Amino acid sequence: MSIGLGIFLFVVGAILTFALNVTLDWIDLDLVGYLLMGAGAVVTIIGIALLARRRQTVTTERSGVDPVANERVTRRSTESDPLA
């Protein structure tokens, strides 16, 4: 999600900076475009860093019946892979 948002911001900023030849008195579209491109680059880098840090977890759930107490027993275990 954040990588896509970063690319979107960068593209909109590039369009505002390089493709539009509109002059407005109350706003500088080149500056807005450069700001959006910078924000898009930062968001993309943060998204890639968070994606690289994400850990994969595996949750296993097993159910059975305890023969002594005649109850249903559920065992859950979660494993985290620190290298992934």
N, C-alpha and C. Protein backbone atom coordinates (compact mmCIF):
# COMPACT_ATOMS: atom_id res chain seq x y z
N MET A 1 0.83 -1.18 0.00
CA MET A 1 0.00 0.00 0.00
C MET A 1 0.88 1.25 0.00
N SER A 2 1.86 1.30 0.88
CA SER A 2 2.66 2.51 0.97
C SER A 2 3.58 2.67 -0.25
N ILE A 3 4.01 1.56 -0.83
CA ILE A 3 4.85 1.67 -2.02
C ILE A 3 4.03 2.24 -3.18
N GLY A 4 2.81 1.77 -3.32
CA GLY A 4 1.94 2.30 -4.37
C GLY A 4 1.59 3.76 -4.16
N LEU A 5 1.35 4.14 -2.91
CA LEU A 5 1.07 5.55 -2.61
C LEU A 5 2.29 6.41 -2.93
N GLY A 6 3.47 5.95 -2.61
CA GLY A 6 4.69 6.70 -2.90
C GLY A 6 4.89 6.89 -4.39
N ILE A 7 4.65 5.84 -5.16
CA ILE A 7 4.78 5.95 -6.62
C ILE A 7 3.74 6.91 -7.17
N PHE A 8 2.51 6.83 -6.65
CA PHE A 8 1.45 7.75 -7.09
C PHE A 8 1.83 9.20 -6.81
N LEU A 9 2.30 9.48 -5.60
CA LEU A 9 2.70 10.85 -5.26
C LEU A 9 3.83 11.34 -6.16
N PHE A 10 4.78 10.47 -6.43
CA PHE A 10 5.91 10.84 -7.28
C PHE A 10 5.44 11.16 -8.70
N VAL A 11 4.54 10.35 -9.24
CA VAL A 11 4.05 10.57 -10.60
C VAL A 11 3.24 11.85 -10.69
N VAL A 12 2.36 12.10 -9.72
CA VAL A 12 1.57 13.34 -9.73
C VAL A 12 2.50 14.55 -9.61
N GLY A 13 3.51 14.45 -8.76
CA GLY A 13 4.47 15.54 -8.64
C GLY A 13 5.24 15.79 -9.93
N ALA A 14 5.63 14.71 -10.61
CA ALA A 14 6.34 14.87 -11.88
C ALA A 14 5.44 15.49 -12.94
N ILE A 15 4.18 15.13 -12.95
CA ILE A 15 3.24 15.73 -13.90
C ILE A 15 3.09 17.21 -13.62
N LEU A 16 2.93 17.57 -12.34
CA LEU A 16 2.79 18.99 -12.00
C LEU A 16 4.04 19.78 -12.35
N THR A 17 5.21 19.18 -12.17
CA THR A 17 6.45 19.90 -12.40
C THR A 17 6.81 20.00 -13.87
N PHE A 18 6.75 18.88 -14.59
CA PHE A 18 7.31 18.85 -15.93
C PHE A 18 6.28 18.90 -17.06
N ALA A 19 5.06 18.47 -16.82
CA ALA A 19 4.11 18.36 -17.93
C ALA A 19 3.16 19.55 -18.04
N LEU A 20 2.88 20.21 -16.94
CA LEU A 20 1.95 21.33 -16.99
C LEU A 20 2.68 22.65 -17.22
N ASN A 21 2.15 23.43 -18.13
CA ASN A 21 2.70 24.77 -18.38
C ASN A 21 1.65 25.81 -18.02
N VAL A 22 1.12 25.69 -16.80
CA VAL A 22 0.10 26.61 -16.32
C VAL A 22 0.73 27.52 -15.28
N THR A 23 0.45 28.81 -15.38
CA THR A 23 0.96 29.77 -14.39
C THR A 23 -0.20 30.30 -13.58
N LEU A 24 -0.11 30.11 -12.28
CA LEU A 24 -1.12 30.64 -11.37
C LEU A 24 -0.44 31.64 -10.44
N ASP A 25 -1.16 32.72 -10.12
CA ASP A 25 -0.58 33.75 -9.27
C ASP A 25 -0.51 33.32 -7.81
N TRP A 26 -1.41 32.48 -7.37
CA TRP A 26 -1.53 32.17 -5.95
C TRP A 26 -0.81 30.89 -5.53
N ILE A 27 -0.28 30.10 -6.49
CA ILE A 27 0.44 28.88 -6.12
C ILE A 27 1.50 28.58 -7.19
N ASP A 28 2.62 28.08 -6.75
CA ASP A 28 3.69 27.68 -7.65
C ASP A 28 3.60 26.17 -7.85
N LEU A 29 3.11 25.76 -9.01
CA LEU A 29 2.90 24.33 -9.27
C LEU A 29 4.21 23.56 -9.36
N ASP A 30 5.30 24.22 -9.77
CA ASP A 30 6.60 23.53 -9.80
C ASP A 30 7.03 23.15 -8.39
N LEU A 31 6.86 24.06 -7.44
CA LEU A 31 7.23 23.77 -6.06
C LEU A 31 6.36 22.66 -5.48
N VAL A 32 5.06 22.71 -5.75
CA VAL A 32 4.16 21.66 -5.27
C VAL A 32 4.57 20.32 -5.87
N GLY A 33 4.92 20.32 -7.15
CA GLY A 33 5.36 19.09 -7.81
C GLY A 33 6.62 18.53 -7.19
N TYR A 34 7.59 19.39 -6.92
CA TYR A 34 8.83 18.92 -6.29
C TYR A 34 8.56 18.38 -4.87
N LEU A 35 7.68 19.05 -4.15
CA LEU A 35 7.34 18.57 -2.81
C LEU A 35 6.65 17.20 -2.87
N LEU A 36 5.75 17.03 -3.83
CA LEU A 36 5.08 15.74 -3.97
C LEU A 36 6.06 14.65 -4.40
N MET A 37 7.00 14.98 -5.27
CA MET A 37 7.99 13.98 -5.67
C MET A 37 8.88 13.59 -4.49
N GLY A 38 9.25 14.56 -3.67
CA GLY A 38 10.05 14.25 -2.48
C GLY A 38 9.28 13.40 -1.49
N ALA A 39 8.01 13.74 -1.28
CA ALA A 39 7.18 12.95 -0.37
C ALA A 39 6.98 11.54 -0.91
N GLY A 40 6.80 11.41 -2.22
CA GLY A 40 6.64 10.10 -2.82
C GLY A 40 7.88 9.24 -2.67
N ALA A 41 9.05 9.86 -2.82
CA ALA A 41 10.30 9.11 -2.65
C ALA A 41 10.45 8.65 -1.20
N VAL A 42 10.14 9.52 -0.25
CA VAL A 42 10.25 9.16 1.17
C VAL A 42 9.27 8.04 1.53
N VAL A 43 8.03 8.15 1.07
CA VAL A 43 7.03 7.12 1.38
C VAL A 43 7.42 5.78 0.76
N THR A 44 7.96 5.81 -0.46
CA THR A 44 8.39 4.57 -1.10
C THR A 44 9.54 3.92 -0.34
N ILE A 45 10.51 4.71 0.09
CA ILE A 45 11.65 4.16 0.85
C ILE A 45 11.18 3.60 2.18
N ILE A 46 10.28 4.29 2.86
CA ILE A 46 9.76 3.77 4.14
C ILE A 46 8.98 2.48 3.90
N GLY A 47 8.19 2.42 2.83
CA GLY A 47 7.44 1.21 2.52
C GLY A 47 8.34 0.03 2.23
N ILE A 48 9.42 0.25 1.51
CA ILE A 48 10.37 -0.83 1.22
C ILE A 48 11.07 -1.28 2.50
N ALA A 49 11.42 -0.33 3.36
CA ALA A 49 12.08 -0.69 4.63
C ALA A 49 11.14 -1.50 5.53
N LEU A 50 9.88 -1.11 5.59
CA LEU A 50 8.92 -1.86 6.41
C LEU A 50 8.63 -3.23 5.82
N LEU A 51 8.62 -3.33 4.51
CA LEU A 51 8.41 -4.62 3.87
C LEU A 51 9.57 -5.56 4.13
N ALA A 52 10.78 -5.03 4.17
CA ALA A 52 11.95 -5.86 4.44
C ALA A 52 11.99 -6.31 5.89
N ARG A 53 11.43 -5.53 6.80
CA ARG A 53 11.44 -5.87 8.22
C ARG A 53 10.34 -6.85 8.61
N ARG A 54 9.34 -7.01 7.77
CA ARG A 54 8.18 -7.83 8.11
C ARG A 54 8.61 -9.27 8.35
N ARG A 55 8.15 -9.82 9.43
CA ARG A 55 8.48 -11.20 9.78
C ARG A 55 7.31 -12.10 9.44
N GLN A 56 7.66 -13.29 9.05
CA GLN A 56 6.64 -14.26 8.70
C GLN A 56 6.32 -15.10 9.93
N THR A 57 5.04 -15.22 10.26
CA THR A 57 4.62 -16.03 11.39
C THR A 57 3.70 -17.14 10.90
N VAL A 58 3.83 -18.28 11.54
CA VAL A 58 3.00 -19.43 11.20
C VAL A 58 2.25 -19.83 12.46
N THR A 59 0.94 -19.89 12.39
CA THR A 59 0.11 -20.29 13.53
C THR A 59 -0.50 -21.65 13.23
N THR A 60 -0.30 -22.58 14.17
CA THR A 60 -0.84 -23.92 14.02
C THR A 60 -1.84 -24.16 15.14
N GLU A 61 -2.99 -24.68 14.78
CA GLU A 61 -4.03 -24.97 15.77
C GLU A 61 -4.43 -26.43 15.64
N ARG A 62 -4.37 -27.14 16.76
CA ARG A 62 -4.76 -28.56 16.76
C ARG A 62 -5.84 -28.77 17.80
N SER A 63 -6.84 -29.53 17.42
CA SER A 63 -7.95 -29.82 18.33
C SER A 63 -8.02 -31.32 18.57
N GLY A 64 -8.46 -31.67 19.75
CA GLY A 64 -8.63 -33.07 20.08
C GLY A 64 -9.56 -33.20 21.27
N VAL A 65 -9.85 -34.43 21.66
CA VAL A 65 -10.73 -34.70 22.79
C VAL A 65 -9.91 -35.38 23.88
N ASP A 66 -9.97 -34.82 25.10
CA ASP A 66 -9.30 -35.42 26.25
C ASP A 66 -10.13 -36.62 26.72
N PRO A 67 -9.55 -37.84 26.68
CA PRO A 67 -10.35 -39.02 27.03
C PRO A 67 -10.69 -39.11 28.51
N VAL A 68 -9.87 -38.50 29.38
CA VAL A 68 -10.12 -38.59 30.82
C VAL A 68 -11.27 -37.67 31.22
N ALA A 69 -11.19 -36.42 30.83
CA ALA A 69 -12.19 -35.44 31.24
C ALA A 69 -13.34 -35.33 30.24
N ASN A 70 -13.22 -35.99 29.10
CA ASN A 70 -14.21 -35.94 28.04
C ASN A 70 -14.48 -34.49 27.60
N GLU A 71 -13.39 -33.72 27.42
CA GLU A 71 -13.48 -32.32 27.01
C GLU A 71 -12.72 -32.13 25.70
N ARG A 72 -13.11 -31.09 24.99
CA ARG A 72 -12.40 -30.74 23.76
C ARG A 72 -11.20 -29.87 24.14
N VAL A 73 -10.03 -30.21 23.64
CA VAL A 73 -8.79 -29.50 23.96
C VAL A 73 -8.25 -28.88 22.67
N THR A 74 -7.90 -27.60 22.74
CA THR A 74 -7.32 -26.90 21.60
C THR A 74 -5.93 -26.41 21.97
N ARG A 75 -4.98 -26.70 21.10
CA ARG A 75 -3.60 -26.27 21.34
C ARG A 75 -3.19 -25.36 20.20
N ARG A 76 -2.70 -24.17 20.54
CA ARG A 76 -2.26 -23.20 19.54
C ARG A 76 -0.78 -22.92 19.75
N SER A 77 -0.05 -22.85 18.64
CA SER A 77 1.37 -22.50 18.71
C SER A 77 1.68 -21.54 17.58
N THR A 78 2.50 -20.55 17.87
CA THR A 78 2.90 -19.55 16.88
C THR A 78 4.41 -19.56 16.77
N GLU A 79 4.89 -19.66 15.55
CA GLU A 79 6.33 -19.64 15.28
C GLU A 79 6.66 -18.43 14.43
N SER A 80 7.74 -17.78 14.76
CA SER A 80 8.19 -16.62 14.02
C SER A 80 9.54 -16.92 13.40
N ASP A 81 9.67 -16.62 12.11
CA ASP A 81 10.93 -16.85 11.42
C ASP A 81 11.72 -15.55 11.41
N PRO A 82 12.76 -15.41 12.22
CA PRO A 82 13.49 -14.14 12.30
C PRO A 82 14.33 -13.85 11.06
N LEU A 83 14.60 -14.84 10.24
CA LEU A 83 15.44 -14.62 9.06
C LEU A 83 14.65 -14.20 7.84
N ALA A 84 13.34 -14.41 7.86
CA ALA A 84 12.53 -14.08 6.68
C ALA A 84 12.13 -12.63 6.67
